[in-house]
């Protein structure tokens, strides 16, 4: 875990899923919470960003 926190390792999707499982959360929750912290965004701002991004993908 400390290697992930220090940025010396890049986890695979499978590792993110395994870590999320141990934390009893959805993998997206783990990723979103990490990006919220990294970018200094609150939940509403992050969800708005994701919603805007997904609206482009759907089209």
C-alpha atoms as a PDB file:
ATOM      1  CA  UNK A   1       0.000   0.000   0.000  1.00  0.00           C
ATOM      2  CA  UNK A   2       2.743   2.484   0.839  1.00  0.00           C
ATOM      3  CA  UNK A   3       4.270   2.048  -2.632  1.00  0.00           C
ATOM      4  CA  UNK A   4       0.911   3.032  -4.124  1.00  0.00           C
ATOM      5  CA  UNK A   5       0.650   6.047  -1.837  1.00  0.00           C
ATOM      6  CA  UNK A   6       4.168   7.164  -2.757  1.00  0.00           C
ATOM      7  CA  UNK A   7       3.416   6.775  -6.460  1.00  0.00           C
ATOM      8  CA  UNK A   8       6.222   4.299  -7.058  1.00  0.00           C
ATOM      9  CA  UNK A   9       3.781   1.637  -8.270  1.00  0.00           C
ATOM     10  CA  UNK A  10       0.865   1.828 -10.689  1.00  0.00           C
ATOM     11  CA  UNK A  11      -1.881  -0.641  -9.773  1.00  0.00           C
ATOM     12  CA  UNK A  12      -3.599  -2.728 -12.412  1.00  0.00           C
ATOM     13  CA  UNK A  13      -7.371  -2.681 -12.680  1.00  0.00           C
ATOM     14  CA  UNK A  14      -7.390  -6.076 -10.992  1.00  0.00           C
ATOM     15  CA  UNK A  15      -5.417  -4.669  -8.029  1.00  0.00           C
ATOM     16  CA  UNK A  16      -7.804  -1.715  -7.732  1.00  0.00           C
ATOM     17  CA  UNK A  17     -10.729  -4.164  -7.710  1.00  0.00           C
ATOM     18  CA  UNK A  18      -9.039  -6.321  -5.058  1.00  0.00           C
ATOM     19  CA  UNK A  19      -8.260  -3.322  -2.844  1.00  0.00           C
ATOM     20  CA  UNK A  20     -11.809  -2.004  -3.201  1.00  0.00           C
ATOM     21  CA  UNK A  21     -13.148  -5.424  -2.265  1.00  0.00           C
ATOM     22  CA  UNK A  22     -11.108  -5.436   0.936  1.00  0.00           C
ATOM     23  CA  UNK A  23     -12.400  -1.928   1.711  1.00  0.00           C
ATOM     24  CA  UNK A  24     -15.978  -3.109   0.978  1.00  0.00           C
ATOM     25  CA  UNK A  25     -16.551  -0.495  -1.720  1.00  0.00           C
ATOM     26  CA  UNK A  26     -17.067  -0.353  -5.460  1.00  0.00           C
ATOM     27  CA  UNK A  27     -13.820   0.145  -7.420  1.00  0.00           C
ATOM     28  CA  UNK A  28     -15.178   3.375  -8.899  1.00  0.00           C
ATOM     29  CA  UNK A  29     -15.730   4.733  -5.397  1.00  0.00           C
ATOM     30  CA  UNK A  30     -12.079   4.100  -4.611  1.00  0.00           C
ATOM     31  CA  UNK A  31     -10.932   5.787  -7.821  1.00  0.00           C
ATOM     32  CA  UNK A  32     -13.296   8.743  -7.507  1.00  0.00           C
ATOM     33  CA  UNK A  33     -12.324   9.369  -3.890  1.00  0.00           C
ATOM     34  CA  UNK A  34      -8.655   9.273  -4.883  1.00  0.00           C
ATOM     35  CA  UNK A  35      -9.166  11.805  -7.673  1.00  0.00           C
ATOM     36  CA  UNK A  36     -11.308  14.018  -5.436  1.00  0.00           C
ATOM     37  CA  UNK A  37      -8.455  14.190  -2.965  1.00  0.00           C
ATOM     38  CA  UNK A  38      -5.800  14.673  -5.660  1.00  0.00           C
ATOM     39  CA  UNK A  39      -7.697  17.466  -7.425  1.00  0.00           C
ATOM     40  CA  UNK A  40      -9.208  19.095  -4.346  1.00  0.00           C
ATOM     41  CA  UNK A  41     -12.784  18.631  -5.540  1.00  0.00           C
ATOM     42  CA  UNK A  42     -15.861  17.996  -3.450  1.00  0.00           C
ATOM     43  CA  UNK A  43     -18.330  15.255  -4.331  1.00  0.00           C
ATOM     44  CA  UNK A  44     -20.722  17.504  -6.257  1.00  0.00           C
ATOM     45  CA  UNK A  45     -17.940  18.967  -8.400  1.00  0.00           C
ATOM     46  CA  UNK A  46     -16.491  15.539  -9.165  1.00  0.00           C
ATOM     47  CA  UNK A  47     -19.900  14.093 -10.051  1.00  0.00           C
ATOM     48  CA  UNK A  48     -20.635  17.068 -12.316  1.00  0.00           C
ATOM     49  CA  UNK A  49     -17.318  16.532 -14.088  1.00  0.00           C
ATOM     50  CA  UNK A  50     -18.001  12.828 -14.565  1.00  0.00           C
ATOM     51  CA  UNK A  51     -21.567  13.516 -15.713  1.00  0.00           C
ATOM     52  CA  UNK A  52     -20.332  15.984 -18.327  1.00  0.00           C
ATOM     53  CA  UNK A  53     -17.657  13.544 -19.531  1.00  0.00           C
ATOM     54  CA  UNK A  54     -20.137  10.687 -19.782  1.00  0.00           C
ATOM     55  CA  UNK A  55     -22.646  12.785 -21.710  1.00  0.00           C
ATOM     56  CA  UNK A  56     -20.024  13.223 -24.450  1.00  0.00           C
ATOM     57  CA  UNK A  57     -19.238   9.504 -24.476  1.00  0.00           C
ATOM     58  CA  UNK A  58     -22.928   8.564 -24.823  1.00  0.00           C
ATOM     59  CA  UNK A  59     -23.363  10.653 -27.971  1.00  0.00           C
END
